[in-house]
Amino acid sequence: MNTPAQPADVVWEQRWHPLREEWILYTSHRGGRPWIGETHAATALQPPTYDPTCALCPGNPRLHGTNPAYSGVFVFENDLPCFSTALAPEPPPGDPLQSRRPAHGTAEVICYHPDHAKSFPDLTAEECARVATVWAERTASLAARPEVRHVLIFENRGSLVGTSNPHPHGQIYAGNLIYGHTAREVASSRAYRRNHGRNLGTDLLARELAGPRVIAENPSFVAFVPWFARYAYEVYVWPRRPVTALPELSPAELRDLGLMVRAVAATYDRLWNRPMPYVMAIHQAPCDDEDHADYPFHLEFHPPLRTPDTLKYLAGPEIGGGSMTNESNPDQKAAELRAAVPAA
């Protein structure tokens, strides 16, 4: 079999993801491969400022209850929560293959704004600060519940990541499940301290600040495409001061966090002049009464598009093999995003 000739600048490389403790395969030479599969054009429809059929708009009915005529941030318990206080059936005694436990906890929805047509880039500085403050307040309140061991806050933006409602909102899951990525970050940060005697988050930020992948900064946070990015336009938002969870942030830091989330979301939208779909997740330490002094609090943005109309599909290598392949160069993608950052 003849091996096809390859461009001289092709690098066959794997990079270590220090938070997830896994290898990422880089194949940037495959990013421009011929594509005759499915594409996704930007939606031209602009949502109305109020939708009478939207379960999140002020004054509208939901499955269980009616929304108040709210004017700022609005939080309510999800009508179809993934956690509850119900008891799960007891597993067969001593069966290691069919263990189970109750899914105790709660789930909440946080509406960022009453205007159905807005998204995070449209919020004012004060509105951004209020959202971040509510994130911290809800984390503290939910973490105090005896059945809660982890609070996961996230936003699914856009139909391409499965969002069923375009109203500006996120979700808060608080239960006795410590989500898998957080559990791995707990383990990796402890191992880094044990092996190197230093804080993983502090060292990671220092490396990124010295590199070419920073896209935005403010007094409290830095946004960058990580050296070990799994997606083409993946962005991390990292605190300059090591903290483990939202309630540790000062009011000024929470304000800066809200502004940085807005800056990243606005940068995505300006990149291709279309609303960018993404999954944004806030990574914070479990609230299980264990020592998490080295846990690296941060935010992660995972946009599924690798070109303006082409998804990064999780297929054979990712779903079948269990390891991520990134068909891009993180330095180049950071430069594209940096060029799209809106003026302050």
Protein backbone atom coordinates (compact mmCIF):
# COMPACT_ATOMS: atom_id res chain seq x y z
CA MET A 1 0.00 0.00 0.00
CA ASN A 2 1.38 3.42 -0.95
CA THR A 3 1.33 6.07 1.79
CA PRO A 4 -0.14 9.41 0.54
CA ALA A 5 2.25 12.35 0.51
CA GLN A 6 1.65 14.75 3.42
CA PRO A 7 2.30 18.51 3.70
CA ALA A 8 5.64 19.39 5.27
CA ASP A 9 4.01 21.21 8.20
CA VAL A 10 1.86 18.30 9.38
CA VAL A 11 2.55 17.40 13.01
CA TRP A 12 1.34 14.08 14.35
CA GLU A 13 0.78 14.93 17.99
CA GLN A 14 -1.01 14.01 21.18
CA ARG A 15 -1.30 16.45 24.07
CA TRP A 16 -1.92 15.61 27.71
CA HIS A 17 -5.07 17.09 29.27
CA PRO A 18 -3.93 17.70 32.87
CA LEU A 19 -7.43 18.24 34.27
CA ARG A 20 -9.04 15.14 32.78
CA GLU A 21 -5.83 13.10 32.72
CA GLU A 22 -6.28 11.88 29.17
CA TRP A 23 -4.56 12.25 25.82
CA ILE A 24 -6.03 14.42 23.03
CA LEU A 25 -5.09 13.60 19.42
CA TYR A 26 -4.42 16.59 17.10
CA THR A 27 -4.96 16.31 13.36
CA SER A 28 -5.12 19.91 12.16
CA HIS A 29 -4.28 18.83 8.58
CA ARG A 30 -7.71 17.14 8.47
CA GLY A 31 -9.68 20.29 9.34
CA GLY A 32 -10.10 21.24 5.66
CA ARG A 33 -10.86 17.76 4.35
CA PRO A 34 -13.59 17.47 1.68
CA TRP A 35 -17.02 17.52 3.32
CA ILE A 36 -20.25 16.45 1.62
CA GLY A 37 -22.07 15.61 4.85
CA GLU A 38 -24.69 17.56 6.75
CA THR A 39 -24.24 21.32 7.20
CA HIS A 40 -26.06 23.81 9.43
CA ALA A 41 -26.91 27.26 8.14
CA ALA A 42 -27.39 30.09 10.62
CA THR A 43 -30.98 30.75 11.59
CA ALA A 44 -32.27 34.05 10.24
CA LEU A 45 -35.27 34.28 12.59
CA GLN A 46 -35.05 36.83 15.42
CA PRO A 47 -37.09 35.74 18.46
CA PRO A 48 -39.71 38.20 19.71
CA THR A 49 -39.10 40.06 22.97
CA TYR A 50 -42.09 38.20 24.41
CA ASP A 51 -43.44 34.82 23.34
CA PRO A 52 -46.85 33.84 24.72
CA THR A 53 -45.98 30.14 24.23
CA CYS A 54 -42.66 30.35 26.14
CA ALA A 55 -42.64 28.69 29.56
CA LEU A 56 -39.88 31.06 30.71
CA CYS A 57 -41.34 34.46 29.78
CA PRO A 58 -42.80 36.61 32.58
CA GLY A 59 -46.43 35.92 33.44
CA ASN A 60 -46.64 32.73 31.36
CA PRO A 61 -47.89 29.36 32.62
CA ARG A 62 -45.53 26.41 33.11
CA LEU A 63 -46.23 22.75 33.73
CA HIS A 64 -46.52 23.48 37.45
CA GLY A 65 -47.45 27.06 38.20
CA THR A 66 -47.18 30.46 36.56
CA ASN A 67 -44.17 32.75 36.25
CA PRO A 68 -44.35 36.06 38.10
CA ALA A 69 -43.97 39.28 36.13
CA TYR A 70 -40.26 39.28 36.89
CA SER A 71 -37.99 42.13 35.77
CA GLY A 72 -34.49 40.83 36.53
CA VAL A 73 -32.98 37.40 37.17
CA PHE A 74 -35.61 34.76 37.94
CA VAL A 75 -34.88 31.34 39.48
CA PHE A 76 -37.40 28.54 39.92
CA GLU A 77 -37.35 24.81 40.57
CA ASN A 78 -37.43 22.84 37.32
CA ASP A 79 -40.87 21.41 36.62
CA LEU A 80 -39.20 18.18 35.42
CA PRO A 81 -36.15 17.86 37.73
CA CYS A 82 -33.47 15.22 37.30
CA PHE A 83 -33.11 14.89 41.11
CA SER A 84 -35.78 14.49 43.79
CA THR A 85 -36.35 13.32 47.37
CA ALA A 86 -37.94 10.06 46.21
CA LEU A 87 -36.42 6.79 47.33
CA ALA A 88 -34.90 4.41 44.77
CA PRO A 89 -35.61 0.69 45.02
CA GLU A 90 -33.09 -1.25 47.04
CA PRO A 91 -30.52 -3.12 44.90
CA PRO A 92 -30.06 -6.85 45.25
CA PRO A 93 -27.77 -7.40 48.28
CA GLY A 94 -24.12 -7.90 47.40
CA ASP A 95 -24.62 -7.53 43.63
CA PRO A 96 -21.61 -5.60 42.20
CA LEU A 97 -23.11 -5.46 38.70
CA GLN A 98 -26.40 -3.77 39.53
CA SER A 99 -25.62 -1.22 42.23
CA ARG A 100 -27.92 1.76 42.51
CA ARG A 101 -28.78 4.60 44.86
CA PRO A 102 -31.36 7.38 45.13
CA ALA A 103 -30.93 10.52 42.99
CA HIS A 104 -31.46 13.01 45.81
CA GLY A 105 -31.34 16.75 45.25
CA THR A 106 -33.00 19.37 43.10
CA ALA A 107 -32.72 21.16 39.76
CA GLU A 108 -33.36 24.85 39.08
CA VAL A 109 -33.74 27.08 36.06
CA ILE A 110 -32.17 30.54 36.06
CA CYS A 111 -33.63 33.05 33.60
CA TYR A 112 -31.05 35.72 32.89
CA HIS A 113 -33.51 38.33 31.64
CA PRO A 114 -37.25 38.73 30.98
CA ASP A 115 -36.65 39.66 27.31
CA HIS A 116 -37.14 36.50 25.25
CA ALA A 117 -34.94 37.83 22.41
CA LYS A 118 -31.83 38.60 24.44
CA SER A 119 -28.80 36.40 25.10
CA PHE A 120 -25.76 36.88 27.34
CA PRO A 121 -23.98 39.25 24.89
CA ASP A 122 -27.00 41.58 25.08
CA LEU A 123 -26.93 42.02 28.86
CA THR A 124 -25.71 45.23 30.50
CA ALA A 125 -22.74 45.16 32.86
CA GLU A 126 -25.08 45.30 35.85
CA GLU A 127 -27.23 42.49 34.48
CA CYS A 128 -24.14 40.32 33.91
CA ALA A 129 -22.99 40.99 37.48
CA ARG A 130 -26.41 40.06 38.82
CA VAL A 131 -26.42 36.72 36.99
CA ALA A 132 -22.98 35.84 38.39
CA THR A 133 -24.06 36.92 41.87
CA VAL A 134 -27.14 34.70 41.71
CA TRP A 135 -24.94 31.80 40.57
CA ALA A 136 -22.89 32.26 43.75
CA GLU A 137 -25.94 32.73 45.99
CA ARG A 138 -27.68 29.62 44.68
CA THR A 139 -24.47 27.59 44.99
CA ALA A 140 -24.10 28.57 48.65
CA SER A 141 -27.75 27.88 49.44
CA LEU A 142 -27.93 24.54 47.65
CA ALA A 143 -24.53 23.34 48.94
CA ALA A 144 -25.85 23.77 52.49
CA ARG A 145 -28.49 21.10 51.91
CA PRO A 146 -27.43 17.80 53.53
CA GLU A 147 -28.21 15.68 50.47
CA VAL A 148 -26.23 17.85 48.03
CA ARG A 149 -22.64 16.90 47.25
CA HIS A 150 -22.12 18.93 44.05
CA VAL A 151 -23.65 21.98 42.37
CA LEU A 152 -23.33 22.04 38.57
CA ILE A 153 -24.32 25.26 36.78
CA PHE A 154 -24.46 25.27 32.99
CA GLU A 155 -25.99 26.88 29.92
CA ASN A 156 -26.92 25.08 26.71
CA ARG A 157 -27.16 27.71 23.99
CA GLY A 158 -28.65 26.96 20.59
CA SER A 159 -30.61 24.14 19.01
CA LEU A 160 -27.39 22.41 17.87
CA VAL A 161 -26.64 21.50 21.51
CA GLY A 162 -30.23 20.47 22.21
CA THR A 163 -31.69 23.66 23.69
CA SER A 164 -35.48 23.41 23.62
CA ASN A 165 -36.16 27.07 24.44
CA PRO A 166 -34.23 30.15 23.17
CA HIS A 167 -35.19 32.31 26.16
CA PRO A 168 -31.91 33.41 27.87
CA HIS A 169 -31.45 30.93 30.68
CA GLY A 170 -29.21 28.35 32.30
CA GLN A 171 -29.70 25.49 34.72
CA ILE A 172 -28.49 24.50 38.18
CA TYR A 173 -28.25 20.84 39.13
CA ALA A 174 -27.64 20.13 42.81
CA GLY A 175 -27.64 16.56 44.02
CA ASN A 176 -25.81 13.67 45.57
CA LEU A 177 -24.01 12.95 42.28
CA ILE A 178 -20.53 14.40 41.79
CA TYR A 179 -20.31 14.78 38.02
CA GLY A 180 -17.57 12.83 36.28
CA HIS A 181 -15.44 15.73 35.01
CA THR A 182 -15.44 17.29 38.48
CA ALA A 183 -14.47 13.99 40.07
CA ARG A 184 -11.54 13.69 37.65
CA GLU A 185 -10.48 17.28 38.36
CA VAL A 186 -10.54 16.54 42.08
CA ALA A 187 -8.23 13.58 41.48
CA SER A 188 -5.92 15.39 39.04
CA SER A 189 -5.49 18.47 41.26
CA ARG A 190 -4.66 16.28 44.26
CA ALA A 191 -2.21 14.21 42.23
CA TYR A 192 -0.52 17.37 40.92
CA ARG A 193 -0.06 18.67 44.48
CA ARG A 194 1.25 15.31 45.59
CA ASN A 195 3.68 14.95 42.66
CA HIS A 196 4.84 18.55 42.21
CA GLY A 197 4.03 20.32 45.49
CA ARG A 198 2.14 23.10 43.69
CA ASN A 199 -1.37 24.15 42.78
CA LEU A 200 -2.47 22.83 39.38
CA GLY A 201 -4.69 25.82 38.60
CA THR A 202 -1.96 28.36 39.38
CA ASP A 203 0.59 26.59 37.21
CA LEU A 204 -1.86 26.09 34.34
CA LEU A 205 -2.79 29.77 34.28
CA ALA A 206 0.87 30.85 34.38
CA ARG A 207 1.59 28.70 31.33
CA GLU A 208 -1.36 30.11 29.40
CA LEU A 209 -0.53 33.72 30.29
CA ALA A 210 2.93 33.14 28.83
CA GLY A 211 1.56 31.66 25.60
CA PRO A 212 -0.29 32.86 22.48
CA ARG A 213 -3.78 31.57 23.27
CA VAL A 214 -5.15 34.29 25.61
CA ILE A 215 -8.13 35.99 23.99
CA ALA A 216 -9.40 38.35 26.72
CA GLU A 217 -8.47 39.56 30.22
CA ASN A 218 -9.92 41.67 33.01
CA PRO A 219 -8.75 42.33 36.58
CA SER A 220 -10.08 39.03 37.93
CA PHE A 221 -10.30 36.57 35.01
CA VAL A 222 -8.47 35.39 31.90
CA ALA A 223 -10.11 33.75 28.87
CA PHE A 224 -8.02 31.48 26.67
CA VAL A 225 -8.10 28.54 24.30
CA PRO A 226 -6.32 25.85 26.33
CA TRP A 227 -3.20 24.21 24.94
CA PHE A 228 -5.04 20.88 25.27
CA ALA A 229 -8.34 22.06 23.71
CA ARG A 230 -10.73 19.29 22.76
CA TYR A 231 -12.89 21.42 20.43
CA ALA A 232 -11.77 23.90 17.78
CA TYR A 233 -13.08 27.02 19.56
CA GLU A 234 -13.05 25.78 23.15
CA VAL A 235 -12.47 28.56 25.70
CA TYR A 236 -11.67 28.43 29.40
CA VAL A 237 -12.35 31.32 31.80
CA TRP A 238 -9.84 31.12 34.63
CA PRO A 239 -9.61 33.17 37.86
CA ARG A 240 -6.40 35.05 38.54
CA ARG A 241 -6.79 34.23 42.23
CA PRO A 242 -7.08 30.52 43.03
CA VAL A 243 -10.55 29.70 44.33
CA THR A 244 -12.49 26.45 44.49
CA ALA A 245 -16.12 27.59 44.09
CA LEU A 246 -18.34 30.56 43.27
CA PRO A 247 -19.14 31.62 46.86
CA GLU A 248 -15.43 32.38 47.43
CA LEU A 249 -15.49 35.18 44.85
CA SER A 250 -15.80 38.78 46.03
CA PRO A 251 -18.52 41.09 44.63
CA ALA A 252 -15.91 42.70 42.35
CA GLU A 253 -14.76 39.29 41.12
CA LEU A 254 -18.34 38.19 40.47
CA ARG A 255 -18.87 41.35 38.43
CA ASP A 256 -15.71 40.60 36.44
CA LEU A 257 -16.88 37.02 35.93
CA GLY A 258 -20.18 38.18 34.45
CA LEU A 259 -18.36 40.60 32.16
CA MET A 260 -15.96 37.90 31.01
CA VAL A 261 -18.78 35.48 30.21
CA ARG A 262 -20.40 38.26 28.16
CA ALA A 263 -17.10 38.99 26.38
CA VAL A 264 -16.58 35.34 25.43
CA ALA A 265 -20.18 34.90 24.21
CA ALA A 266 -20.00 38.16 22.22
CA THR A 267 -16.68 37.08 20.69
CA TYR A 268 -18.24 33.83 19.53
CA ASP A 269 -21.11 35.73 17.90
CA ARG A 270 -18.75 38.13 16.11
CA LEU A 271 -16.49 35.34 14.85
CA TRP A 272 -18.84 34.39 11.98
CA ASN A 273 -21.57 37.02 12.48
CA ARG A 274 -24.03 34.42 13.71
CA PRO A 275 -25.21 33.27 17.14
CA MET A 276 -22.69 30.64 18.23
CA PRO A 277 -24.12 27.54 19.92
CA TYR A 278 -22.21 26.30 22.92
CA VAL A 279 -22.31 24.42 26.18
CA MET A 280 -20.97 26.52 29.06
CA ALA A 281 -20.26 24.76 32.35
CA ILE A 282 -19.06 26.17 35.67
CA HIS A 283 -16.56 23.79 37.24
CA GLN A 284 -16.50 24.11 41.03
CA ALA A 285 -15.47 21.84 43.87
CA PRO A 286 -17.87 19.33 45.37
CA CYS A 287 -19.59 20.27 48.63
CA ASP A 288 -19.07 16.89 50.28
CA ASP A 289 -17.09 18.05 53.35
CA GLU A 290 -13.79 16.78 51.93
CA ASP A 291 -10.65 18.86 51.46
CA HIS A 292 -10.71 20.50 48.02
CA ALA A 293 -8.19 23.27 48.66
CA ASP A 294 -6.44 22.66 45.31
CA TYR A 295 -9.57 22.29 43.17
CA PRO A 296 -9.24 24.62 40.12
CA PHE A 297 -12.49 26.58 39.80
CA HIS A 298 -13.07 27.70 36.20
CA LEU A 299 -15.61 27.93 33.39
CA GLU A 300 -15.51 25.96 30.14
CA PHE A 301 -17.15 26.85 26.82
CA HIS A 302 -17.56 24.03 24.31
CA PRO A 303 -18.92 25.20 20.92
CA PRO A 304 -19.85 22.28 18.62
CA LEU A 305 -19.13 24.10 15.33
CA ARG A 306 -15.69 23.73 13.75
CA THR A 307 -16.59 25.87 10.70
CA PRO A 308 -19.52 28.29 10.27
CA ASP A 309 -21.83 25.48 9.16
CA THR A 310 -20.11 22.22 10.13
CA LEU A 311 -20.38 20.41 13.44
CA LYS A 312 -17.59 18.61 15.22
CA TYR A 313 -19.23 15.20 15.28
CA LEU A 314 -18.41 12.77 18.05
CA ALA A 315 -18.07 9.53 16.12
CA GLY A 316 -15.82 6.46 15.97
CA PRO A 317 -12.71 7.77 17.80
CA GLU A 318 -14.69 9.68 20.43
CA ILE A 319 -17.74 7.51 21.07
CA GLY A 320 -16.27 4.20 19.96
CA GLY A 321 -12.70 4.71 21.11
CA GLY A 322 -13.27 7.04 24.05
CA SER A 323 -10.58 9.60 23.15
CA MET A 324 -11.04 13.04 21.63
CA THR A 325 -9.61 14.13 18.27
CA ASN A 326 -9.23 17.85 17.51
CA GLU A 327 -8.92 18.74 13.82
CA SER A 328 -7.52 22.21 14.55
CA ASN A 329 -4.54 24.10 15.94
CA PRO A 330 -5.38 25.80 19.28
CA ASP A 331 -2.96 28.68 18.59
CA GLN A 332 -4.64 29.46 15.27
CA LYS A 333 -8.15 29.24 16.71
CA ALA A 334 -7.17 31.54 19.57
CA ALA A 335 -5.90 34.08 17.05
CA GLU A 336 -9.23 33.95 15.19
CA LEU A 337 -11.15 34.52 18.39
CA ARG A 338 -8.81 37.27 19.57
CA ALA A 339 -9.47 39.16 16.35
CA ALA A 340 -13.21 38.98 17.03
CA VAL A 341 -13.17 40.23 20.65
CA PRO A 342 -15.52 43.26 20.86
CA ALA A 343 -14.13 46.59 22.01
CA ALA A 344 -14.56 47.16 25.74
